[in-house]
Amino acid sequence: MKRISVLAIAFAALSTENAVAQRVDAASALLKDREGKIVGTVALRQTPDAGVLMNVSIDGLPIGNYAFHVHETGKCDGDFSSAGGHFAPRARKHGVLSEGGPHAGDLPNLHIVAAKYNVEIFAREFSLNKGKGSIFDDDGSALIVHRGIDDYATQPAGGAGEKVACGVITNKIIDGAP
């Protein structure tokens, strides 16, 4: 009987350790342009009930309007097509204005009005924690900034333009990130 109790305690301790390892409270990404220059940072924080609070700080993109999305793969090679399509673990359509939408990775447009720009975005559709809707799946996720706005309806990506910046989301915190 003592042997079973010891095994049960060891298993419970292992299960608790795994649960803690699967919980991520904060993450970040360095946004870089195609030349590798850092043009922004994003700090992500898991909220207690659902969703992620994002603090986006841009310093290096021209004033203008940009689409902003979470993409399905944590890679930022070349023209950033390595990041794949929008993060959509629930197979929904693109856009908040589309019936059957939005993708989990659909975020509001960024309207950059000054050289240094900062905005907070609440994203309800994804999580930092392991499980369905986690941006930390097997191949990770990336944040992409597109030149031009997302119309929130056109399939599959809202008519967003060229990818101008990309950042792999990591569970490491960037020094100096907002």
N, C-alpha and C. Protein backbone atom coordinates (compact mmCIF):
# COMPACT_ATOMS: atom_id res chain seq x y z
N MET A 1 0.82 -1.20 0.00
CA MET A 1 0.00 0.00 0.00
C MET A 1 0.86 1.26 0.00
N LYS A 2 1.96 1.27 0.78
CA LYS A 2 2.83 2.43 0.81
C LYS A 2 3.45 2.69 -0.55
N ARG A 3 3.74 1.63 -1.28
CA ARG A 3 4.36 1.77 -2.60
C ARG A 3 3.40 2.50 -3.56
N ILE A 4 2.12 2.16 -3.52
CA ILE A 4 1.13 2.80 -4.37
C ILE A 4 1.01 4.28 -4.00
N SER A 5 1.01 4.60 -2.71
CA SER A 5 0.90 6.00 -2.27
C SER A 5 2.10 6.81 -2.74
N VAL A 6 3.30 6.25 -2.64
CA VAL A 6 4.50 6.95 -3.09
C VAL A 6 4.41 7.20 -4.59
N LEU A 7 3.97 6.20 -5.36
CA LEU A 7 3.82 6.37 -6.80
C LEU A 7 2.75 7.43 -7.12
N ALA A 8 1.67 7.43 -6.38
CA ALA A 8 0.61 8.41 -6.61
C ALA A 8 1.11 9.82 -6.33
N ILE A 9 1.88 10.00 -5.26
CA ILE A 9 2.43 11.32 -4.93
C ILE A 9 3.42 11.75 -6.01
N ALA A 10 4.27 10.84 -6.46
CA ALA A 10 5.24 11.16 -7.51
C ALA A 10 4.51 11.54 -8.80
N PHE A 11 3.46 10.82 -9.16
CA PHE A 11 2.70 11.12 -10.36
C PHE A 11 2.01 12.48 -10.23
N ALA A 12 1.46 12.76 -9.05
CA ALA A 12 0.79 14.05 -8.83
C ALA A 12 1.79 15.20 -8.95
N ALA A 13 2.98 15.03 -8.41
CA ALA A 13 4.02 16.06 -8.50
C ALA A 13 4.42 16.27 -9.95
N LEU A 14 4.57 15.20 -10.72
CA LEU A 14 4.92 15.29 -12.13
C LEU A 14 3.82 15.98 -12.91
N SER A 15 2.56 15.66 -12.63
CA SER A 15 1.43 16.30 -13.31
C SER A 15 1.39 17.79 -13.03
N THR A 16 1.64 18.18 -11.78
CA THR A 16 1.65 19.59 -11.41
C THR A 16 2.79 20.31 -12.13
N GLU A 17 3.96 19.68 -12.19
CA GLU A 17 5.11 20.27 -12.87
C GLU A 17 4.79 20.48 -14.35
N ASN A 18 4.16 19.50 -15.01
CA ASN A 18 3.80 19.64 -16.43
C ASN A 18 2.77 20.73 -16.64
N ALA A 19 1.81 20.85 -15.73
CA ALA A 19 0.78 21.89 -15.86
C ALA A 19 1.42 23.27 -15.77
N VAL A 20 2.37 23.43 -14.85
CA VAL A 20 3.06 24.70 -14.71
C VAL A 20 3.88 24.99 -15.96
N ALA A 21 4.54 23.97 -16.53
CA ALA A 21 5.37 24.15 -17.71
C ALA A 21 4.53 24.54 -18.92
N GLN A 22 3.25 24.19 -18.94
CA GLN A 22 2.39 24.51 -20.07
C GLN A 22 1.77 25.89 -19.96
N ARG A 23 1.89 26.54 -18.83
CA ARG A 23 1.30 27.86 -18.63
C ARG A 23 2.33 28.92 -18.98
N VAL A 24 1.94 29.85 -19.84
CA VAL A 24 2.80 30.97 -20.20
C VAL A 24 2.03 32.24 -19.90
N ASP A 25 2.59 33.09 -19.06
CA ASP A 25 1.89 34.32 -18.67
C ASP A 25 2.28 35.52 -19.53
N ALA A 26 3.48 35.46 -20.15
CA ALA A 26 3.95 36.59 -20.96
C ALA A 26 4.80 36.09 -22.11
N ALA A 27 4.80 36.86 -23.17
CA ALA A 27 5.58 36.53 -24.36
C ALA A 27 5.96 37.84 -25.05
N SER A 28 6.79 37.73 -26.09
CA SER A 28 7.18 38.94 -26.80
C SER A 28 7.62 38.61 -28.21
N ALA A 29 7.75 39.64 -29.02
CA ALA A 29 8.26 39.50 -30.38
C ALA A 29 8.99 40.77 -30.76
N LEU A 30 10.09 40.61 -31.48
CA LEU A 30 10.81 41.73 -32.08
C LEU A 30 10.35 41.82 -33.52
N LEU A 31 9.78 42.93 -33.92
CA LEU A 31 9.36 43.12 -35.31
C LEU A 31 10.54 43.65 -36.10
N LYS A 32 10.88 42.94 -37.18
CA LYS A 32 12.01 43.35 -38.03
C LYS A 32 11.52 43.51 -39.46
N ASP A 33 12.13 44.48 -40.16
CA ASP A 33 11.80 44.65 -41.57
C ASP A 33 12.59 43.63 -42.40
N ARG A 34 12.46 43.66 -43.72
CA ARG A 34 13.10 42.67 -44.59
C ARG A 34 14.62 42.76 -44.58
N GLU A 35 15.16 43.88 -44.15
CA GLU A 35 16.62 44.02 -44.05
C GLU A 35 17.14 43.57 -42.68
N GLY A 36 16.24 43.18 -41.79
CA GLY A 36 16.62 42.72 -40.46
C GLY A 36 16.68 43.81 -39.41
N LYS A 37 16.30 45.04 -39.78
CA LYS A 37 16.30 46.16 -38.83
C LYS A 37 15.08 46.04 -37.91
N ILE A 38 15.29 46.22 -36.61
CA ILE A 38 14.19 46.19 -35.65
C ILE A 38 13.35 47.45 -35.83
N VAL A 39 12.04 47.26 -36.07
CA VAL A 39 11.11 48.38 -36.27
C VAL A 39 10.02 48.41 -35.19
N GLY A 40 10.09 47.48 -34.24
CA GLY A 40 9.10 47.48 -33.18
C GLY A 40 9.22 46.29 -32.26
N THR A 41 8.49 46.37 -31.16
CA THR A 41 8.40 45.27 -30.21
C THR A 41 6.94 45.06 -29.85
N VAL A 42 6.62 43.83 -29.48
CA VAL A 42 5.28 43.52 -29.01
C VAL A 42 5.41 42.71 -27.74
N ALA A 43 4.79 43.19 -26.67
CA ALA A 43 4.73 42.45 -25.41
C ALA A 43 3.33 41.86 -25.31
N LEU A 44 3.24 40.56 -25.03
CA LEU A 44 1.96 39.87 -24.93
C LEU A 44 1.79 39.36 -23.51
N ARG A 45 0.60 39.53 -22.97
CA ARG A 45 0.32 39.08 -21.61
C ARG A 45 -1.00 38.31 -21.59
N GLN A 46 -0.96 37.09 -21.08
CA GLN A 46 -2.17 36.27 -20.94
C GLN A 46 -3.08 36.88 -19.90
N THR A 47 -4.38 36.98 -20.21
CA THR A 47 -5.34 37.49 -19.22
C THR A 47 -5.90 36.31 -18.42
N PRO A 48 -6.44 36.54 -17.24
CA PRO A 48 -6.90 35.44 -16.39
C PRO A 48 -8.00 34.56 -16.99
N ASP A 49 -8.95 35.14 -17.69
CA ASP A 49 -10.07 34.34 -18.18
C ASP A 49 -9.89 33.87 -19.62
N ALA A 50 -9.66 34.79 -20.54
CA ALA A 50 -9.50 34.43 -21.94
C ALA A 50 -8.87 35.59 -22.68
N GLY A 51 -8.00 35.28 -23.61
CA GLY A 51 -7.43 36.30 -24.45
C GLY A 51 -6.08 36.80 -23.99
N VAL A 52 -5.51 37.65 -24.85
CA VAL A 52 -4.16 38.15 -24.64
C VAL A 52 -4.16 39.67 -24.82
N LEU A 53 -3.54 40.37 -23.90
CA LEU A 53 -3.35 41.81 -24.01
C LEU A 53 -1.99 42.03 -24.66
N MET A 54 -1.99 42.81 -25.74
CA MET A 54 -0.76 43.07 -26.50
C MET A 54 -0.41 44.55 -26.42
N ASN A 55 0.85 44.85 -26.14
CA ASN A 55 1.34 46.22 -26.20
C ASN A 55 2.27 46.29 -27.39
N VAL A 56 1.87 47.05 -28.42
CA VAL A 56 2.61 47.15 -29.68
C VAL A 56 3.32 48.49 -29.69
N SER A 57 4.63 48.45 -29.86
CA SER A 57 5.44 49.66 -29.91
C SER A 57 6.20 49.67 -31.23
N ILE A 58 5.90 50.65 -32.09
CA ILE A 58 6.53 50.76 -33.40
C ILE A 58 7.47 51.96 -33.39
N ASP A 59 8.68 51.75 -33.89
CA ASP A 59 9.66 52.83 -34.01
C ASP A 59 10.55 52.48 -35.20
N GLY A 60 10.11 52.86 -36.39
CA GLY A 60 10.92 52.53 -37.56
C GLY A 60 10.11 52.27 -38.82
N LEU A 61 8.80 52.35 -38.75
CA LEU A 61 7.96 52.23 -39.95
C LEU A 61 7.46 53.63 -40.32
N PRO A 62 7.32 53.89 -41.61
CA PRO A 62 6.79 55.20 -42.02
C PRO A 62 5.36 55.41 -41.52
N ILE A 63 5.00 56.66 -41.34
CA ILE A 63 3.62 57.00 -40.97
C ILE A 63 2.70 56.44 -42.05
N GLY A 64 1.60 55.83 -41.63
CA GLY A 64 0.67 55.24 -42.58
C GLY A 64 -0.21 54.20 -41.91
N ASN A 65 -0.97 53.49 -42.74
CA ASN A 65 -1.91 52.48 -42.26
C ASN A 65 -1.40 51.09 -42.62
N TYR A 66 -1.50 50.18 -41.65
CA TYR A 66 -0.95 48.84 -41.81
C TYR A 66 -1.92 47.79 -41.27
N ALA A 67 -1.99 46.67 -41.97
CA ALA A 67 -2.71 45.51 -41.43
C ALA A 67 -1.78 44.80 -40.46
N PHE A 68 -2.36 44.11 -39.48
CA PHE A 68 -1.58 43.45 -38.43
C PHE A 68 -2.24 42.12 -38.11
N HIS A 69 -1.47 41.04 -38.18
CA HIS A 69 -2.03 39.69 -37.97
C HIS A 69 -1.06 38.79 -37.24
N VAL A 70 -1.62 37.77 -36.57
CA VAL A 70 -0.83 36.63 -36.09
C VAL A 70 -0.86 35.61 -37.22
N HIS A 71 0.32 35.14 -37.62
CA HIS A 71 0.42 34.11 -38.66
C HIS A 71 0.76 32.77 -38.03
N GLU A 72 0.45 31.70 -38.75
CA GLU A 72 0.42 30.34 -38.21
C GLU A 72 1.77 29.69 -37.94
N THR A 73 2.87 30.22 -38.45
CA THR A 73 4.17 29.59 -38.29
C THR A 73 5.19 30.58 -37.75
N GLY A 74 5.96 30.18 -36.79
CA GLY A 74 6.96 31.04 -36.17
C GLY A 74 8.24 31.12 -36.96
N LYS A 75 8.16 31.65 -38.19
CA LYS A 75 9.34 31.86 -39.04
C LYS A 75 9.20 33.19 -39.74
N CYS A 76 10.33 33.88 -39.91
CA CYS A 76 10.33 35.18 -40.58
C CYS A 76 11.46 35.25 -41.60
N ASP A 77 11.50 34.30 -42.53
CA ASP A 77 12.55 34.26 -43.53
C ASP A 77 12.16 35.04 -44.79
N GLY A 78 13.15 35.61 -45.48
CA GLY A 78 12.96 36.24 -46.78
C GLY A 78 11.86 37.28 -46.82
N ASP A 79 10.83 37.00 -47.65
CA ASP A 79 9.71 37.93 -47.79
C ASP A 79 8.62 37.68 -46.75
N PHE A 80 8.92 36.87 -45.77
CA PHE A 80 8.05 36.52 -44.64
C PHE A 80 6.92 35.56 -45.00
N SER A 81 6.93 35.02 -46.22
CA SER A 81 5.91 34.02 -46.56
C SER A 81 6.10 32.75 -45.75
N SER A 82 7.28 32.57 -45.16
CA SER A 82 7.56 31.41 -44.30
C SER A 82 6.65 31.39 -43.07
N ALA A 83 6.03 32.52 -42.73
CA ALA A 83 5.12 32.59 -41.58
C ALA A 83 3.76 31.97 -41.90
N GLY A 84 3.52 31.59 -43.16
CA GLY A 84 2.27 30.94 -43.54
C GLY A 84 1.10 31.90 -43.53
N GLY A 85 -0.11 31.34 -43.45
CA GLY A 85 -1.34 32.14 -43.44
C GLY A 85 -1.67 32.63 -42.05
N HIS A 86 -2.82 33.24 -41.93
CA HIS A 86 -3.26 33.73 -40.63
C HIS A 86 -3.49 32.57 -39.66
N PHE A 87 -3.22 32.81 -38.40
CA PHE A 87 -3.44 31.82 -37.35
C PHE A 87 -4.94 31.59 -37.24
N ALA A 88 -5.38 30.38 -37.55
CA ALA A 88 -6.82 30.06 -37.58
C ALA A 88 -7.08 28.64 -37.09
N PRO A 89 -6.84 28.35 -35.81
CA PRO A 89 -6.99 26.99 -35.30
C PRO A 89 -8.43 26.47 -35.31
N ARG A 90 -9.39 27.36 -35.43
CA ARG A 90 -10.79 26.93 -35.44
C ARG A 90 -11.38 26.92 -36.85
N ALA A 91 -10.53 27.09 -37.87
CA ALA A 91 -10.93 27.04 -39.28
C ALA A 91 -12.06 28.02 -39.61
N ARG A 92 -12.02 29.19 -39.01
CA ARG A 92 -13.01 30.22 -39.32
C ARG A 92 -12.54 31.02 -40.53
N LYS A 93 -13.41 31.83 -41.10
CA LYS A 93 -13.06 32.69 -42.24
C LYS A 93 -12.34 33.93 -41.74
N HIS A 94 -11.70 34.62 -42.69
CA HIS A 94 -11.00 35.86 -42.35
C HIS A 94 -11.99 37.00 -42.12
N GLY A 95 -11.69 37.83 -41.14
CA GLY A 95 -12.35 39.11 -40.99
C GLY A 95 -13.52 39.18 -40.03
N VAL A 96 -13.53 40.24 -39.24
CA VAL A 96 -14.63 40.46 -38.30
C VAL A 96 -15.91 40.85 -39.03
N LEU A 97 -15.82 41.26 -40.29
CA LEU A 97 -17.01 41.63 -41.06
C LEU A 97 -17.52 40.47 -41.92
N SER A 98 -16.89 39.30 -41.81
CA SER A 98 -17.29 38.13 -42.58
C SER A 98 -18.14 37.19 -41.74
N GLU A 99 -19.21 36.68 -42.34
CA GLU A 99 -19.97 35.63 -41.66
C GLU A 99 -19.04 34.43 -41.53
N GLY A 100 -18.98 33.87 -40.34
CA GLY A 100 -18.08 32.74 -40.09
C GLY A 100 -16.67 33.18 -39.73
N GLY A 101 -16.46 34.47 -39.50
CA GLY A 101 -15.15 34.97 -39.13
C GLY A 101 -15.14 35.37 -37.66
N PRO A 102 -14.06 35.80 -37.15
CA PRO A 102 -12.76 36.02 -37.76
C PRO A 102 -11.78 34.88 -37.49
N HIS A 103 -10.61 34.93 -38.17
CA HIS A 103 -9.50 34.08 -37.78
C HIS A 103 -9.07 34.49 -36.37
N ALA A 104 -8.50 33.59 -35.63
CA ALA A 104 -7.96 33.97 -34.31
C ALA A 104 -6.85 35.00 -34.45
N GLY A 105 -6.12 34.98 -35.56
CA GLY A 105 -5.00 35.89 -35.77
C GLY A 105 -5.36 37.22 -36.39
N ASP A 106 -6.64 37.48 -36.64
CA ASP A 106 -7.06 38.77 -37.20
C ASP A 106 -7.01 39.83 -36.10
N LEU A 107 -6.23 40.86 -36.32
CA LEU A 107 -6.07 41.95 -35.35
C LEU A 107 -6.49 43.27 -35.99
N PRO A 108 -6.73 44.30 -35.20
CA PRO A 108 -7.09 45.60 -35.77
C PRO A 108 -5.93 46.21 -36.58
N ASN A 109 -6.30 47.03 -37.56
CA ASN A 109 -5.29 47.76 -38.32
C ASN A 109 -4.52 48.70 -37.41
N LEU A 110 -3.27 48.97 -37.79
CA LEU A 110 -2.44 49.94 -37.09
C LEU A 110 -2.45 51.23 -37.90
N HIS A 111 -2.81 52.33 -37.29
CA HIS A 111 -2.83 53.64 -37.95
C HIS A 111 -1.70 54.46 -37.32
N ILE A 112 -0.52 54.34 -37.91
CA ILE A 112 0.68 54.96 -37.35
C ILE A 112 0.70 56.43 -37.75
N VAL A 113 0.63 57.31 -36.75
CA VAL A 113 0.52 58.75 -36.99
C VAL A 113 1.75 59.54 -36.55
N ALA A 114 2.74 58.84 -36.00
CA ALA A 114 3.97 59.49 -35.55
C ALA A 114 5.12 58.49 -35.67
N ALA A 115 6.34 59.00 -35.69
CA ALA A 115 7.51 58.13 -35.83
C ALA A 115 7.55 57.05 -34.75
N LYS A 116 7.19 57.44 -33.53
CA LYS A 116 7.09 56.46 -32.44
C LYS A 116 5.62 56.28 -32.12
N TYR A 117 5.18 55.03 -32.15
CA TYR A 117 3.76 54.72 -32.05
C TYR A 117 3.58 53.59 -31.06
N ASN A 118 2.58 53.71 -30.19
CA ASN A 118 2.31 52.66 -29.21
C ASN A 118 0.81 52.48 -29.09
N VAL A 119 0.37 51.22 -29.07
CA VAL A 119 -1.05 50.93 -28.92
C VAL A 119 -1.21 49.62 -28.15
N GLU A 120 -2.28 49.51 -27.39
CA GLU A 120 -2.63 48.26 -26.74
C GLU A 120 -3.80 47.64 -27.48
N ILE A 121 -3.72 46.32 -27.67
CA ILE A 121 -4.75 45.57 -28.38
C ILE A 121 -5.12 44.38 -27.51
N PHE A 122 -6.42 44.16 -27.34
CA PHE A 122 -6.88 42.96 -26.65
C PHE A 122 -7.33 41.96 -27.71
N ALA A 123 -6.72 40.79 -27.71
CA ALA A 123 -7.03 39.74 -28.68
C ALA A 123 -7.68 38.57 -27.93
N ARG A 124 -8.97 38.41 -28.09
CA ARG A 124 -9.74 37.41 -27.35
C ARG A 124 -9.61 36.00 -27.94
N GLU A 125 -9.24 35.88 -29.21
CA GLU A 125 -9.36 34.61 -29.93
C GLU A 125 -8.19 33.64 -29.79
N PHE A 126 -7.11 34.02 -29.12
CA PHE A 126 -5.99 33.08 -28.96
C PHE A 126 -5.43 33.16 -27.55
N SER A 127 -4.52 32.24 -27.26
CA SER A 127 -3.98 32.10 -25.91
C SER A 127 -2.47 31.87 -25.96
N LEU A 128 -1.80 32.19 -24.89
CA LEU A 128 -0.38 31.85 -24.74
C LEU A 128 -0.22 30.47 -24.12
N ASN A 129 -1.28 29.96 -23.50
CA ASN A 129 -1.22 28.67 -22.82
C ASN A 129 -1.44 27.52 -23.79
N LYS A 130 -0.87 26.38 -23.48
CA LYS A 130 -1.00 25.19 -24.31
C LYS A 130 -2.46 24.79 -24.45
N GLY A 131 -2.80 24.22 -25.58
CA GLY A 131 -4.17 23.76 -25.83
C GLY A 131 -4.72 24.41 -27.08
N LYS A 132 -5.99 24.17 -27.35
CA LYS A 132 -6.66 24.71 -28.53
C LYS A 132 -6.59 26.24 -28.50
N GLY A 133 -6.14 26.83 -29.58
CA GLY A 133 -6.05 28.28 -29.66
C GLY A 133 -4.73 28.84 -29.17
N SER A 134 -3.77 27.97 -28.81
CA SER A 134 -2.47 28.45 -28.34
C SER A 134 -1.59 28.84 -29.52
N ILE A 135 -0.98 30.02 -29.43
CA ILE A 135 -0.03 30.43 -30.45
C ILE A 135 1.31 29.70 -30.29
N PHE A 136 1.46 28.99 -29.19
CA PHE A 136 2.65 28.19 -28.96
C PHE A 136 2.39 26.72 -29.31
N ASP A 137 1.89 26.48 -30.53
CA ASP A 137 1.70 25.10 -31.00
C ASP A 137 3.05 24.57 -31.49
N ASP A 138 3.06 23.44 -32.17
CA ASP A 138 4.32 22.78 -32.55
C ASP A 138 5.27 23.63 -33.39
N ASP A 139 4.72 24.49 -34.27
CA ASP A 139 5.60 25.30 -35.12
C ASP A 139 5.58 26.78 -34.77
N GLY A 140 5.00 27.13 -33.65
CA GLY A 140 5.01 28.51 -33.19
C GLY A 140 4.14 29.43 -34.04
N SER A 141 4.27 30.72 -33.80
CA SER A 141 3.50 31.74 -34.52
C SER A 141 4.35 32.99 -34.68
N ALA A 142 3.93 33.83 -35.63
CA ALA A 142 4.64 35.09 -35.88
C ALA A 142 3.63 36.22 -36.01
N LEU A 143 4.07 37.42 -35.74
CA LEU A 143 3.28 38.62 -35.98
C LEU A 143 3.77 39.25 -37.27
N ILE A 144 2.83 39.64 -38.13
CA ILE A 144 3.16 40.25 -39.42
C ILE A 144 2.49 41.61 -39.53
N VAL A 145 3.25 42.59 -40.01
CA VAL A 145 2.71 43.90 -40.36
C VAL A 145 2.71 43.97 -41.88
N HIS A 146 1.54 44.30 -42.46
CA HIS A 146 1.38 44.42 -43.91
C HIS A 146 1.22 45.88 -44.30
N ARG A 147 1.82 46.26 -45.43
CA ARG A 147 1.61 47.62 -45.95
C ARG A 147 0.17 47.72 -46.46
N GLY A 148 -0.56 48.68 -46.02
CA GLY A 148 -1.96 48.85 -46.41
C GLY A 148 -2.88 48.22 -45.38
N ILE A 149 -4.15 48.59 -45.44
CA ILE A 149 -5.10 48.14 -44.43
C ILE A 149 -5.75 46.80 -44.79
N ASP A 150 -6.25 46.16 -43.76
CA ASP A 150 -7.09 44.97 -43.87
C ASP A 150 -8.52 45.49 -43.96
N ASP A 151 -9.27 45.01 -44.96
CA ASP A 151 -10.67 45.46 -45.09
C ASP A 151 -11.61 44.64 -44.21
N TYR A 152 -11.08 43.69 -43.46
CA TYR A 152 -11.81 42.85 -42.51
C TYR A 152 -12.84 41.93 -43.15
N ALA A 153 -12.77 41.72 -44.47
CA ALA A 153 -13.76 40.88 -45.12
C ALA A 153 -13.20 40.02 -46.26
N THR A 154 -12.35 40.58 -47.12
CA THR A 154 -11.86 39.86 -48.29
C THR A 154 -11.11 38.60 -47.88
N GLN A 155 -11.41 37.50 -48.56
CA GLN A 155 -10.76 36.22 -48.27
C GLN A 155 -9.52 36.05 -49.15
N PRO A 156 -8.44 35.48 -48.64
CA PRO A 156 -8.30 34.91 -47.30
C PRO A 156 -7.61 35.83 -46.30
N ALA A 157 -7.23 37.06 -46.72
CA ALA A 157 -6.40 37.88 -45.83
C ALA A 157 -6.80 39.34 -45.78
N GLY A 158 -8.00 39.71 -46.18
CA GLY A 158 -8.47 41.07 -46.03
C GLY A 158 -7.90 42.07 -47.01
N GLY A 159 -7.29 41.56 -48.09
CA GLY A 159 -6.69 42.47 -49.07
C GLY A 159 -5.47 43.18 -48.53
N ALA A 160 -4.92 42.67 -47.42
CA ALA A 160 -3.73 43.28 -46.82
C ALA A 160 -2.59 43.21 -47.83
N GLY A 161 -1.77 44.22 -47.85
CA GLY A 161 -0.68 44.31 -48.83
C GLY A 161 0.56 43.52 -48.44
N GLU A 162 1.65 43.96 -49.03
CA GLU A 162 2.96 43.35 -48.86
C GLU A 162 3.34 43.25 -47.37
N LYS A 163 3.99 42.16 -47.01
CA LYS A 163 4.48 41.99 -45.63
C LYS A 163 5.74 42.83 -45.46
N VAL A 164 5.70 43.78 -44.52
CA VAL A 164 6.83 44.70 -44.34
C VAL A 164 7.60 44.48 -43.05
N ALA A 165 7.02 43.76 -42.10
CA ALA A 165 7.72 43.46 -40.84
C ALA A 165 7.19 42.15 -40.28
N CYS A 166 8.07 41.44 -39.57
CA CYS A 166 7.71 40.13 -39.02
C CYS A 166 8.46 39.94 -37.71
N GLY A 167 7.80 39.26 -36.77
CA GLY A 167 8.44 38.93 -35.50
C GLY A 167 7.94 37.59 -34.99
N VAL A 168 8.86 36.70 -34.69
CA VAL A 168 8.51 35.40 -34.11
C VAL A 168 8.12 35.62 -32.66
N ILE A 169 6.99 35.06 -32.26
CA ILE A 169 6.53 35.18 -30.87
C ILE A 169 7.28 34.16 -30.02
N THR A 170 7.88 34.63 -28.96
CA THR A 170 8.66 33.76 -28.07
C THR A 170 8.20 33.96 -26.64
N ASN A 171 8.38 32.93 -25.82
CA ASN A 171 8.00 33.08 -24.41
C ASN A 171 9.11 33.72 -23.59
N LYS A 172 10.11 34.26 -24.27
CA LYS A 172 11.15 35.03 -23.60
C LYS A 172 10.75 36.50 -23.63
N ILE A 173 11.04 37.21 -22.59
CA ILE A 173 10.69 38.62 -22.50
C ILE A 173 11.86 39.44 -23.03
N ILE A 174 11.56 40.38 -23.91
CA ILE A 174 12.57 41.24 -24.51
C ILE A 174 12.88 42.37 -23.54
N ASP A 175 14.16 42.60 -23.26
CA ASP A 175 14.54 43.73 -22.41
C ASP A 175 14.09 45.02 -23.06
N GLY A 176 13.43 45.87 -22.30
CA GLY A 176 12.99 47.15 -22.80
C GLY A 176 11.66 47.12 -23.54
N ALA A 177 11.06 45.93 -23.69
CA ALA A 177 9.75 45.86 -24.35
C ALA A 177 8.71 46.50 -23.44
N PRO A 178 7.71 47.14 -24.04
CA PRO A 178 6.70 47.82 -23.22
C PRO A 178 5.92 46.86 -22.35
